[in-house]
Full PDB file with SEQRES, HELIX, SHEET, SSBOND, CRYST1, ORIGX, SCALE, CONECT and MASTER records, all heavy atoms in Angstrom:
SEQRES   1 A   37  THR VAL ILE GLY PRO LYS GLY THR VAL VAL LEU PRO GLU          
SEQRES   2 A   37  GLY VAL MET VAL ALA ALA ARG HIS ILE HIS MET SER PRO          
SEQRES   3 A   37  SER GLN ALA ALA GLU ARG GLY PHE HIS ASP GLY                  
HELIX    1 AA1 PRO A   26  ARG A   32  1                                   7    
SHEET    1 AA1 2 VAL A   2  ILE A   3  0                                        
SHEET    2 AA1 2 THR A   8  VAL A   9 -1                                        
CRYST1    1.000    1.000    1.000  90.00  90.00  90.00 P 1           1          
ORIGX1      1.000000  0.000000  0.000000        0.00000                         
ORIGX2      0.000000  1.000000  0.000000        0.00000                         
ORIGX3      0.000000  0.000000  1.000000        0.00000                         
SCALE1      1.000000  0.000000  0.000000        0.00000                         
SCALE2      0.000000  1.000000  0.000000        0.00000                         
SCALE3      0.000000  0.000000  1.000000        0.00000                         
ATOM      1  N   THR A   1     -10.448  28.347   3.652  1.00  0.00           N  
ATOM      2  CA  THR A   1      -9.547  29.483   3.808  1.00  0.00           C  
ATOM      3  C   THR A   1      -8.702  29.284   5.060  1.00  0.00           C  
ATOM      4  O   THR A   1      -9.232  28.968   6.134  1.00  0.00           O  
ATOM      5  CB  THR A   1     -10.337  30.802   3.927  1.00  0.00           C  
ATOM      6  OG1 THR A   1     -11.098  30.995   2.724  1.00  0.00           O  
ATOM      7  CG2 THR A   1      -9.402  31.976   4.114  1.00  0.00           C  
ATOM      8  N   VAL A   2      -7.394  29.459   4.915  1.00  0.00           N  
ATOM      9  CA  VAL A   2      -6.455  29.308   6.036  1.00  0.00           C  
ATOM     10  C   VAL A   2      -5.884  30.686   6.356  1.00  0.00           C  
ATOM     11  O   VAL A   2      -5.367  31.381   5.464  1.00  0.00           O  
ATOM     12  CB  VAL A   2      -5.318  28.329   5.681  1.00  0.00           C  
ATOM     13  CG1 VAL A   2      -4.408  28.123   6.889  1.00  0.00           C  
ATOM     14  CG2 VAL A   2      -5.883  26.997   5.197  1.00  0.00           C  
ATOM     15  N   ILE A   3      -5.964  31.078   7.625  1.00  0.00           N  
ATOM     16  CA  ILE A   3      -5.540  32.415   8.042  1.00  0.00           C  
ATOM     17  C   ILE A   3      -4.342  32.301   8.986  1.00  0.00           C  
ATOM     18  O   ILE A   3      -4.379  31.565   9.985  1.00  0.00           O  
ATOM     19  CB  ILE A   3      -6.683  33.159   8.757  1.00  0.00           C  
ATOM     20  CG1 ILE A   3      -7.916  33.206   7.839  1.00  0.00           C  
ATOM     21  CG2 ILE A   3      -6.245  34.563   9.171  1.00  0.00           C  
ATOM     22  CD1 ILE A   3      -9.179  33.683   8.546  1.00  0.00           C  
ATOM     23  N   GLY A   4      -3.273  33.012   8.644  1.00  0.00           N  
ATOM     24  CA  GLY A   4      -2.082  33.060   9.479  1.00  0.00           C  
ATOM     25  C   GLY A   4      -1.790  34.474   9.935  1.00  0.00           C  
ATOM     26  O   GLY A   4      -2.498  35.417   9.568  1.00  0.00           O  
ATOM     27  N   PRO A   5      -0.722  34.672  10.720  1.00  0.00           N  
ATOM     28  CA  PRO A   5      -0.405  36.013  11.240  1.00  0.00           C  
ATOM     29  C   PRO A   5       0.061  36.999  10.167  1.00  0.00           C  
ATOM     30  O   PRO A   5      -0.024  38.206  10.359  1.00  0.00           O  
ATOM     31  CB  PRO A   5       0.707  35.740  12.261  1.00  0.00           C  
ATOM     32  CG  PRO A   5       1.308  34.439  11.838  1.00  0.00           C  
ATOM     33  CD  PRO A   5       0.182  33.642  11.259  1.00  0.00           C  
ATOM     34  N   LYS A   6       0.542  36.506   9.029  1.00  0.00           N  
ATOM     35  CA  LYS A   6       1.079  37.387   7.990  1.00  0.00           C  
ATOM     36  C   LYS A   6       0.268  37.376   6.700  1.00  0.00           C  
ATOM     37  O   LYS A   6       0.555  38.153   5.786  1.00  0.00           O  
ATOM     38  CB  LYS A   6       2.526  36.987   7.667  1.00  0.00           C  
ATOM     39  CG  LYS A   6       3.490  37.080   8.826  1.00  0.00           C  
ATOM     40  CD  LYS A   6       3.745  38.526   9.232  1.00  0.00           C  
ATOM     41  CE  LYS A   6       4.826  38.604  10.305  1.00  0.00           C  
ATOM     42  NZ  LYS A   6       5.105  40.005  10.705  1.00  0.00           N  
ATOM     43  N   GLY A   7      -0.707  36.473   6.576  1.00  0.00           N  
ATOM     44  CA  GLY A   7      -1.443  36.403   5.337  1.00  0.00           C  
ATOM     45  C   GLY A   7      -2.508  35.328   5.355  1.00  0.00           C  
ATOM     46  O   GLY A   7      -2.710  34.632   6.367  1.00  0.00           O  
ATOM     47  N   THR A   8      -3.182  35.183   4.210  1.00  0.00           N  
ATOM     48  CA  THR A   8      -4.292  34.251   4.065  1.00  0.00           C  
ATOM     49  C   THR A   8      -4.105  33.412   2.801  1.00  0.00           C  
ATOM     50  O   THR A   8      -3.659  33.931   1.777  1.00  0.00           O  
ATOM     51  CB  THR A   8      -5.627  35.001   3.994  1.00  0.00           C  
ATOM     52  OG1 THR A   8      -5.827  35.718   5.207  1.00  0.00           O  
ATOM     53  CG2 THR A   8      -6.796  34.040   3.785  1.00  0.00           C  
ATOM     54  N   VAL A   9      -4.470  32.116   2.888  1.00  0.00           N  
ATOM     55  CA  VAL A   9      -4.416  31.209   1.746  1.00  0.00           C  
ATOM     56  C   VAL A   9      -5.817  30.658   1.514  1.00  0.00           C  
ATOM     57  O   VAL A   9      -6.445  30.148   2.450  1.00  0.00           O  
ATOM     58  CB  VAL A   9      -3.430  30.042   1.987  1.00  0.00           C  
ATOM     59  CG1 VAL A   9      -3.521  29.018   0.856  1.00  0.00           C  
ATOM     60  CG2 VAL A   9      -2.010  30.569   2.102  1.00  0.00           C  
ATOM     61  N   VAL A  10      -6.292  30.744   0.282  1.00  0.00           N  
ATOM     62  CA  VAL A  10      -7.582  30.157  -0.078  1.00  0.00           C  
ATOM     63  C   VAL A  10      -7.307  28.851  -0.831  1.00  0.00           C  
ATOM     64  O   VAL A  10      -6.805  28.876  -1.962  1.00  0.00           O  
ATOM     65  CB  VAL A  10      -8.419  31.112  -0.952  1.00  0.00           C  
ATOM     66  CG1 VAL A  10      -9.745  30.452  -1.326  1.00  0.00           C  
ATOM     67  CG2 VAL A  10      -8.662  32.429  -0.219  1.00  0.00           C  
ATOM     68  N   LEU A  11      -7.604  27.733  -0.199  1.00  0.00           N  
ATOM     69  CA  LEU A  11      -7.332  26.425  -0.790  1.00  0.00           C  
ATOM     70  C   LEU A  11      -8.513  25.978  -1.652  1.00  0.00           C  
ATOM     71  O   LEU A  11      -9.653  25.950  -1.171  1.00  0.00           O  
ATOM     72  CB  LEU A  11      -7.090  25.381   0.299  1.00  0.00           C  
ATOM     73  CG  LEU A  11      -5.878  25.580   1.219  1.00  0.00           C  
ATOM     74  CD1 LEU A  11      -5.884  24.513   2.307  1.00  0.00           C  
ATOM     75  CD2 LEU A  11      -4.582  25.530   0.423  1.00  0.00           C  
ATOM     76  N   PRO A  12      -8.263  25.579  -2.898  1.00  0.00           N  
ATOM     77  CA  PRO A  12      -9.347  25.042  -3.725  1.00  0.00           C  
ATOM     78  C   PRO A  12      -9.735  23.623  -3.327  1.00  0.00           C  
ATOM     79  O   PRO A  12     -10.839  23.164  -3.602  1.00  0.00           O  
ATOM     80  CB  PRO A  12      -8.760  25.077  -5.135  1.00  0.00           C  
ATOM     81  CG  PRO A  12      -7.283  24.957  -4.924  1.00  0.00           C  
ATOM     82  CD  PRO A  12      -6.997  25.681  -3.640  1.00  0.00           C  
ATOM     83  N   GLU A  13      -8.815  22.902  -2.687  1.00  0.00           N  
ATOM     84  CA  GLU A  13      -9.071  21.550  -2.196  1.00  0.00           C  
ATOM     85  C   GLU A  13      -8.081  21.232  -1.086  1.00  0.00           C  
ATOM     86  O   GLU A  13      -7.134  21.976  -0.848  1.00  0.00           O  
ATOM     87  CB  GLU A  13      -8.932  20.510  -3.326  1.00  0.00           C  
ATOM     88  CG  GLU A  13      -7.547  20.432  -3.931  1.00  0.00           C  
ATOM     89  CD  GLU A  13      -7.432  19.408  -5.044  1.00  0.00           C  
ATOM     90  OE1 GLU A  13      -8.469  18.887  -5.492  1.00  0.00           O  
ATOM     91  OE2 GLU A  13      -6.295  19.131  -5.463  1.00  0.00           O  
ATOM     92  N   GLY A  14      -8.306  20.107  -0.390  1.00  0.00           N  
ATOM     93  CA  GLY A  14      -7.330  19.706   0.622  1.00  0.00           C  
ATOM     94  C   GLY A  14      -7.885  19.414   1.997  1.00  0.00           C  
ATOM     95  O   GLY A  14      -7.149  19.010   2.900  1.00  0.00           O  
ATOM     96  N   VAL A  15      -9.211  19.583   2.202  1.00  0.00           N  
ATOM     97  CA  VAL A  15      -9.805  19.321   3.521  1.00  0.00           C  
ATOM     98  C   VAL A  15     -10.346  17.896   3.563  1.00  0.00           C  
ATOM     99  O   VAL A  15     -11.116  17.482   2.696  1.00  0.00           O  
ATOM    100  CB  VAL A  15     -10.951  20.311   3.824  1.00  0.00           C  
ATOM    101  CG1 VAL A  15     -11.531  20.032   5.213  1.00  0.00           C  
ATOM    102  CG2 VAL A  15     -10.443  21.745   3.739  1.00  0.00           C  
ATOM    103  N   MET A  16      -9.938  17.135   4.575  1.00  0.00           N  
ATOM    104  CA  MET A  16     -10.331  15.729   4.669  1.00  0.00           C  
ATOM    105  C   MET A  16     -10.478  15.297   6.111  1.00  0.00           C  
ATOM    106  O   MET A  16      -9.918  15.900   7.032  1.00  0.00           O  
ATOM    107  CB  MET A  16      -9.273  14.846   3.988  1.00  0.00           C  
ATOM    108  CG  MET A  16      -7.870  15.061   4.535  1.00  0.00           C  
ATOM    109  SD  MET A  16      -6.626  13.981   3.843  1.00  0.00           S  
ATOM    110  CE  MET A  16      -6.817  12.567   4.921  1.00  0.00           C  
ATOM    111  N   VAL A  17     -11.279  14.240   6.317  1.00  0.00           N  
ATOM    112  CA  VAL A  17     -11.302  13.492   7.566  1.00  0.00           C  
ATOM    113  C   VAL A  17     -10.454  12.250   7.314  1.00  0.00           C  
ATOM    114  O   VAL A  17     -10.717  11.500   6.365  1.00  0.00           O  
ATOM    115  CB  VAL A  17     -12.742  13.107   7.966  1.00  0.00           C  
ATOM    116  CG1 VAL A  17     -12.734  12.210   9.199  1.00  0.00           C  
ATOM    117  CG2 VAL A  17     -13.573  14.353   8.216  1.00  0.00           C  
ATOM    118  N   ALA A  18      -9.432  12.049   8.116  1.00  0.00           N  
ATOM    119  CA  ALA A  18      -8.470  10.975   7.845  1.00  0.00           C  
ATOM    120  C   ALA A  18      -9.106   9.601   8.022  1.00  0.00           C  
ATOM    121  O   ALA A  18      -9.754   9.324   9.036  1.00  0.00           O  
ATOM    122  CB  ALA A  18      -7.261  11.109   8.759  1.00  0.00           C  
ATOM    123  N   ALA A  19      -8.900   8.731   7.029  1.00  0.00           N  
ATOM    124  CA  ALA A  19      -9.299   7.332   7.169  1.00  0.00           C  
ATOM    125  C   ALA A  19      -8.423   6.679   8.227  1.00  0.00           C  
ATOM    126  O   ALA A  19      -7.209   6.927   8.290  1.00  0.00           O  
ATOM    127  CB  ALA A  19      -9.140   6.606   5.828  1.00  0.00           C  
ATOM    128  N   ARG A  20      -9.029   5.881   9.091  1.00  0.00           N  
ATOM    129  CA  ARG A  20      -8.227   5.201  10.119  1.00  0.00           C  
ATOM    130  C   ARG A  20      -7.247   4.251   9.434  1.00  0.00           C  
ATOM    131  O   ARG A  20      -7.585   3.561   8.468  1.00  0.00           O  
ATOM    132  CB  ARG A  20      -9.135   4.481  11.109  1.00  0.00           C  
ATOM    133  CG  ARG A  20     -10.125   3.528  10.508  1.00  0.00           C  
ATOM    134  CD  ARG A  20     -11.045   2.926  11.566  1.00  0.00           C  
ATOM    135  NE  ARG A  20     -12.081   3.841  11.989  1.00  0.00           N  
ATOM    136  CZ  ARG A  20     -13.374   3.694  11.686  1.00  0.00           C  
ATOM    137  NH1 ARG A  20     -13.775   2.677  10.932  1.00  0.00           N  
ATOM    138  NH2 ARG A  20     -14.260   4.546  12.115  1.00  0.00           N  
ATOM    139  N   HIS A  21      -6.020   4.190   9.954  1.00  0.00           N  
ATOM    140  CA  HIS A  21      -4.971   3.431   9.271  1.00  0.00           C  
ATOM    141  C   HIS A  21      -3.888   2.993  10.252  1.00  0.00           C  
ATOM    142  O   HIS A  21      -3.807   3.515  11.376  1.00  0.00           O  
ATOM    143  CB  HIS A  21      -4.351   4.261   8.145  1.00  0.00           C  
ATOM    144  CG  HIS A  21      -3.812   5.587   8.611  1.00  0.00           C  
ATOM    145  ND1 HIS A  21      -4.621   6.693   8.805  1.00  0.00           N  
ATOM    146  CD2 HIS A  21      -2.556   5.986   8.923  1.00  0.00           C  
ATOM    147  CE1 HIS A  21      -3.875   7.718   9.216  1.00  0.00           C  
ATOM    148  NE2 HIS A  21      -2.627   7.305   9.302  1.00  0.00           N  
ATOM    149  N   ILE A  22      -3.078   2.027   9.805  1.00  0.00           N  
ATOM    150  CA  ILE A  22      -1.956   1.530  10.606  1.00  0.00           C  
ATOM    151  C   ILE A  22      -0.674   1.738   9.814  1.00  0.00           C  
ATOM    152  O   ILE A  22      -0.531   1.222   8.703  1.00  0.00           O  
ATOM    153  CB  ILE A  22      -2.099   0.037  10.948  1.00  0.00           C  
ATOM    154  CG1 ILE A  22      -3.422  -0.235  11.654  1.00  0.00           C  
ATOM    155  CG2 ILE A  22      -0.925  -0.432  11.817  1.00  0.00           C  
ATOM    156  CD1 ILE A  22      -3.701  -1.721  11.875  1.00  0.00           C  
ATOM    157  N   HIS A  23       0.258   2.505  10.366  1.00  0.00           N  
ATOM    158  CA  HIS A  23       1.567   2.693   9.750  1.00  0.00           C  
ATOM    159  C   HIS A  23       2.484   1.532  10.140  1.00  0.00           C  
ATOM    160  O   HIS A  23       2.438   1.039  11.269  1.00  0.00           O  
ATOM    161  CB  HIS A  23       2.210   3.992  10.244  1.00  0.00           C  
ATOM    162  CG  HIS A  23       1.611   5.231   9.674  1.00  0.00           C  
ATOM    163  ND1 HIS A  23       1.783   5.612   8.369  1.00  0.00           N  
ATOM    164  CD2 HIS A  23       0.830   6.197  10.247  1.00  0.00           C  
ATOM    165  CE1 HIS A  23       1.154   6.743   8.143  1.00  0.00           C  
ATOM    166  NE2 HIS A  23       0.553   7.119   9.275  1.00  0.00           N  
ATOM    167  N   MET A  24       3.342   1.121   9.226  1.00  0.00           N  
ATOM    168  CA  MET A  24       4.409   0.173   9.548  1.00  0.00           C  
ATOM    169  C   MET A  24       5.467   0.197   8.454  1.00  0.00           C  
ATOM    170  O   MET A  24       5.198   0.606   7.312  1.00  0.00           O  
ATOM    171  CB  MET A  24       3.875  -1.246   9.781  1.00  0.00           C  
ATOM    172  CG  MET A  24       3.145  -1.880   8.637  1.00  0.00           C  
ATOM    173  SD  MET A  24       2.477  -3.516   9.097  1.00  0.00           S  
ATOM    174  CE  MET A  24       1.117  -3.070  10.173  1.00  0.00           C  
ATOM    175  N   SER A  25       6.658  -0.235   8.806  1.00  0.00           N  
ATOM    176  CA  SER A  25       7.754  -0.326   7.846  1.00  0.00           C  
ATOM    177  C   SER A  25       7.676  -1.666   7.122  1.00  0.00           C  
ATOM    178  O   SER A  25       6.959  -2.577   7.567  1.00  0.00           O  
ATOM    179  CB  SER A  25       9.095  -0.222   8.580  1.00  0.00           C  
ATOM    180  OG  SER A  25       9.286  -1.362   9.411  1.00  0.00           O  
ATOM    181  N   PRO A  26       8.399  -1.839   6.006  1.00  0.00           N  
ATOM    182  CA  PRO A  26       8.390  -3.133   5.314  1.00  0.00           C  
ATOM    183  C   PRO A  26       8.824  -4.295   6.203  1.00  0.00           C  
ATOM    184  O   PRO A  26       8.240  -5.378   6.137  1.00  0.00           O  
ATOM    185  CB  PRO A  26       9.380  -2.908   4.165  1.00  0.00           C  
ATOM    186  CG  PRO A  26       9.292  -1.450   3.877  1.00  0.00           C  
ATOM    187  CD  PRO A  26       9.116  -0.805   5.232  1.00  0.00           C  
ATOM    188  N   SER A  27       9.830  -4.083   7.062  1.00  0.00           N  
ATOM    189  CA  SER A  27      10.287  -5.174   7.929  1.00  0.00           C  
ATOM    190  C   SER A  27       9.231  -5.515   8.979  1.00  0.00           C  
ATOM    191  O   SER A  27       9.016  -6.689   9.304  1.00  0.00           O  
ATOM    192  CB  SER A  27      11.610  -4.796   8.607  1.00  0.00           C  
ATOM    193  OG  SER A  27      11.453  -3.639   9.420  1.00  0.00           O  
ATOM    194  N   GLN A  28       8.557  -4.502   9.519  1.00  0.00           N  
ATOM    195  CA  GLN A  28       7.490  -4.755  10.492  1.00  0.00           C  
ATOM    196  C   GLN A  28       6.316  -5.476   9.838  1.00  0.00           C  
ATOM    197  O   GLN A  28       5.706  -6.357  10.440  1.00  0.00           O  
ATOM    198  CB  GLN A  28       7.026  -3.434  11.105  1.00  0.00           C  
ATOM    199  CG  GLN A  28       8.044  -2.791  12.034  1.00  0.00           C  
ATOM    200  CD  GLN A  28       7.679  -1.371  12.428  1.00  0.00           C  
ATOM    201  OE1 GLN A  28       6.980  -0.668  11.689  1.00  0.00           O  
ATOM    202  NE2 GLN A  28       8.155  -0.932  13.581  1.00  0.00           N  
ATOM    203  N   ALA A  29       6.017  -5.100   8.601  1.00  0.00           N  
ATOM    204  CA  ALA A  29       4.924  -5.761   7.874  1.00  0.00           C  
ATOM    205  C   ALA A  29       5.258  -7.220   7.606  1.00  0.00           C  
ATOM    206  O   ALA A  29       4.420  -8.113   7.795  1.00  0.00           O  
ATOM    207  CB  ALA A  29       4.643  -5.029   6.565  1.00  0.00           C  
ATOM    208  N   ALA A  30       6.487  -7.488   7.161  1.00  0.00           N  
ATOM    209  CA  ALA A  30       6.895  -8.866   6.880  1.00  0.00           C  
ATOM    210  C   ALA A  30       6.899  -9.710   8.144  1.00  0.00           C  
ATOM    211  O   ALA A  30       6.476 -10.868   8.144  1.00  0.00           O  
ATOM    212  CB  ALA A  30       8.282  -8.878   6.233  1.00  0.00           C  
ATOM    213  N   GLU A  31       7.358  -9.105   9.231  1.00  0.00           N  
ATOM    214  CA  GLU A  31       7.440  -9.810  10.507  1.00  0.00           C  
ATOM    215  C   GLU A  31       6.058 -10.208  11.019  1.00  0.00           C  
ATOM    216  O   GLU A  31       5.887 -11.259  11.632  1.00  0.00           O  
ATOM    217  CB  GLU A  31       8.135  -8.889  11.520  1.00  0.00           C  
ATOM    218  CG  GLU A  31       8.526  -9.551  12.818  1.00  0.00           C  
ATOM    219  CD  GLU A  31       9.339  -8.615  13.691  1.00  0.00           C  
ATOM    220  OE1 GLU A  31       9.073  -7.382  13.674  1.00  0.00           O  
ATOM    221  OE2 GLU A  31      10.237  -9.092  14.385  1.00  0.00           O  
ATOM    222  N   ARG A  32       5.070  -9.382  10.703  1.00  0.00           N  
ATOM    223  CA  ARG A  32       3.705  -9.606  11.212  1.00  0.00           C  
ATOM    224  C   ARG A  32       2.759 -10.183  10.165  1.00  0.00           C  
ATOM    225  O   ARG A  32       1.609 -10.465  10.461  1.00  0.00           O  
ATOM    226  CB  ARG A  32       3.132  -8.290  11.750  1.00  0.00           C  
ATOM    227  CG  ARG A  32       3.840  -7.822  13.008  1.00  0.00           C  
ATOM    228  CD  ARG A  32       3.568  -6.365  13.312  1.00  0.00           C  
ATOM    229  NE  ARG A  32       4.121  -6.002  14.609  1.00  0.00           N  
ATOM    230  CZ  ARG A  32       5.407  -5.745  14.832  1.00  0.00           C  
ATOM    231  NH1 ARG A  32       6.268  -5.796  13.837  1.00  0.00           N  
ATOM    232  NH2 ARG A  32       5.835  -5.443  16.035  1.00  0.00           N  
ATOM    233  N   GLY A  33       3.228 -10.309   8.923  1.00  0.00           N  
ATOM    234  CA  GLY A  33       2.398 -10.894   7.879  1.00  0.00           C  
ATOM    235  C   GLY A  33       1.359  -9.958   7.303  1.00  0.00           C  
ATOM    236  O   GLY A  33       0.289 -10.400   6.894  1.00  0.00           O  
ATOM    237  N   PHE A  34       1.661  -8.635   7.252  1.00  0.00           N  
ATOM    238  CA  PHE A  34       0.757  -7.661   6.654  1.00  0.00           C  
ATOM    239  C   PHE A  34       1.292  -7.219   5.292  1.00  0.00           C  
ATOM    240  O   PHE A  34       2.462  -7.425   4.978  1.00  0.00           O  
ATOM    241  CB  PHE A  34       0.614  -6.429   7.554  1.00  0.00           C  
ATOM    242  CG  PHE A  34      -0.127  -6.676   8.835  1.00  0.00           C  
ATOM    243  CD1 PHE A  34       0.555  -6.863  10.036  1.00  0.00           C  
ATOM    244  CD2 PHE A  34      -1.510  -6.716   8.850  1.00  0.00           C  
ATOM    245  CE1 PHE A  34      -0.117  -7.089  11.222  1.00  0.00           C  
ATOM    246  CE2 PHE A  34      -2.200  -6.941  10.045  1.00  0.00           C  
ATOM    247  CZ  PHE A  34      -1.503  -7.130  11.216  1.00  0.00           C  
ATOM    248  N   HIS A  35       0.438  -6.572   4.505  1.00  0.00           N  
ATOM    249  CA  HIS A  35       0.890  -5.979   3.249  1.00  0.00           C  
ATOM    250  C   HIS A  35       0.218  -4.637   3.038  1.00  0.00           C  
ATOM    251  O   HIS A  35      -0.857  -4.363   3.591  1.00  0.00           O  
ATOM    252  CB  HIS A  35       0.615  -6.909   2.064  1.00  0.00           C  
ATOM    253  CG  HIS A  35      -0.836  -7.192   1.827  1.00  0.00           C  
ATOM    254  ND1 HIS A  35      -1.669  -6.330   1.141  1.00  0.00           N  
ATOM    255  CD2 HIS A  35      -1.624  -8.239   2.196  1.00  0.00           C  
ATOM    256  CE1 HIS A  35      -2.887  -6.829   1.091  1.00  0.00           C  
ATOM    257  NE2 HIS A  35      -2.897  -7.987   1.729  1.00  0.00           N  
ATOM    258  N   ASP A  36       0.857  -3.784   2.260  1.00  0.00           N  
ATOM    259  CA  ASP A  36       0.348  -2.445   2.019  1.00  0.00           C  
ATOM    260  C   ASP A  36      -1.025  -2.489   1.355  1.00  0.00           C  
ATOM    261  O   ASP A  36      -1.259  -3.255   0.429  1.00  0.00           O  
ATOM    262  CB  ASP A  36       1.326  -1.674   1.123  1.00  0.00           C  
ATOM    263  CG  ASP A  36       0.928  -0.219   0.947  1.00  0.00           C  
ATOM    264  OD1 ASP A  36       0.631   0.427   1.961  1.00  0.00           O  
ATOM    265  OD2 ASP A  36       0.897   0.263  -0.204  1.00  0.00           O  
ATOM    266  N   GLY A  37      -1.941  -1.668   1.852  1.00  0.00           N  
ATOM    267  CA  GLY A  37      -3.285  -1.615   1.299  1.00  0.00           C  
ATOM    268  C   GLY A  37      -4.244  -2.626   1.898  1.00  0.00           C  
ATOM    269  O   GLY A  37      -5.442  -2.603   1.575  1.00  0.00           O  
TER     270      GLY A  37                                                      
MASTER        0    0    0    1    2    0    0    6  269    1    0    3          
END                                                                             
């Protein structure tokens, strides 16, 4: 349940602990030899 100043939202799903990850653009990935996933 998410509570704000004007109302409340009951979420059926959506709560997570984020998996550690590295963001990069396609050019940065190519430059460094990485690939998505």
